[in-house]
Amino acid sequence: MEKSNKKFSLFDVILSVICVVFVVEAAAPVASIGNSQYFWWIFMIVAFLLPYGMISAELGTAYVGDGGLYDWVHTAFPKTKWGARVSWYYWINFPLWMASLAVVCPTLLGILFNHRFGAVSSLIIQLIFIWIVTVIAFYPVCDSIVILNVSAAIKIILAVTVGILGIYYVIRNGFVNNMAGRTFLPAFDLHSLSYISVIIFNFLGFEVVCTYADSMQKPKRQIPQAIVIGGLVIAAIYLFSAFGIGAAVPTDTISPDTGLMDAVSLITGKSSGFLVRAVALLFLVTLFGNMISWSMGVNSTAAYAADRGDMPRVFGVRRRRHDMPVGAALASGVVASVICLLGVIIEAVSPDSSLFWSFFALNLVMLLLSYVPVFPAFLRLRRQDPNLERPFRVPGPVWFTRVLAYVPMILIILSIIFTAVPLSFDRATLSDYLPITIGSVISIVIGEILIWWRDANRKKSGTTV
């Protein structure tokens, strides 16, 4: 078994945080709720990003390893099924997300080459994207450090570019949307609330970087430093890019999958051209960076859970040379490919459907579900291991840490409801929500079946974990 000798510097870790957590393609859906997005961005930075970042820093430095949030939940609640559920929800979100980004690739390549791809060629492009990411996941994360660093740098460049272009557009033409003071007040309509989950999603992923601990020079020092510095940078660039999109694109025309490109096209007054094509190319590179950075953490977590009997054994299959979890990676590639094939059928039946948002919203629900037990696990581990060394410790008295844990957890639960549950029963709402609701239920049921199967096999063999 050969381990990589490469190690992340602090700068590498900070860029990895930005690459993992900052999601360029998720800024457009949030901008579609109008100026109230600024309230929700700031509110979520204070109420979610800061508490979640500090909790991740404490758990990630106290419980260093490849298990990430699964390890935290399993350690806190070892005799329950929550560790198994978390590992399943956390893993299944990844192929769903990969499929949603694969759907965007033909659009971006169409802009680059000024060509409209048909159904078959689009599917081929989607599958190529999926399997490039899958194969790269066979190698240690440090072997991909150049890709992660370049992707992080491009994300920052894209966000800053969109923000600057938004300012340029306002100076020349004024704001395209109504900027009256009342429009900045928080909106509580179902449309706006359903996109709050996207803001939370935009802040998730700090625990992925914690699974890179073996590749860091000084993980117990680098993890909290990178989370703090990276979190501040991410918050700033999210707000700046949100302004750029909100300033130049009419709220009611923002597309969830091409909103960023729409902003650049509108500001420049061209649907093609050098700048638009350059942004499309950079955007495409960031999609690879997103998937590669998350695949390392998600696959490691799934393999770690499989080793403890909480995921099917195939997820624990590792490559001998580098000890990489190839079983989990291959499973992700297969599931994402099947989802894209299903997307072709959906698009043939309903050409107006937004495959990106359907797959992305389902990915959102499953990922958010995996985080719900993390916050009570944090409180439980504080009580369970009071004498454990914690290189970084969330400051404050017991009541304060409880508030820091329960507020983000409640926000996650509410965002899941607003994203996956149709709260009205008119035809338009049902058509938007039912695919997400049904997909979420199916994903949860499959997870419960796998857990039941695991328990049945344990009883049959007389083994326990």
Foldseek 3Di string as FASTA:
>chain_A
DAADPAADELVLLLLLLLLAQADLLLLLLLLLLALLSVVLLVVCCVQPQVLVLQLLLQCLLLPFALQFLLVLLCVLCVPDLLSLLLLLLLLVLQLLQLLLVLLLVQVLVCQLVVHHDDLVVSLVSSLVLLVVLLVLLQDDVSVCSVLSNLLSVLSLVLLLVLLVLLVVLCVVPNFPDDPDPVRNHHDDDLSNLLSSLSSNSSSDDLSLSSNCQVRHPHSSVSSSVSSVVSSVSSSVSSSSSSSSLSRFPYSNPRDSRCSSLVSVCRSVVHNHDDVSSVSSVSSSSSSSSNSNSSSNSSLSNSLVCVVQLSHPVLSVDHDVNHRRRSSSSVVSSVVSSVLNVVVSVVCVVPVPDSSSCLSNLLSSLSNLVSCLSSLVSSVSCCVVCVPRDGSRDDDDDPVVSNSSRVSNNVSSVSNSCSNAPQPDDDPVSCVRRVSSNVSNVVSSVVSVVSNVVSVVVCVVVVHHD
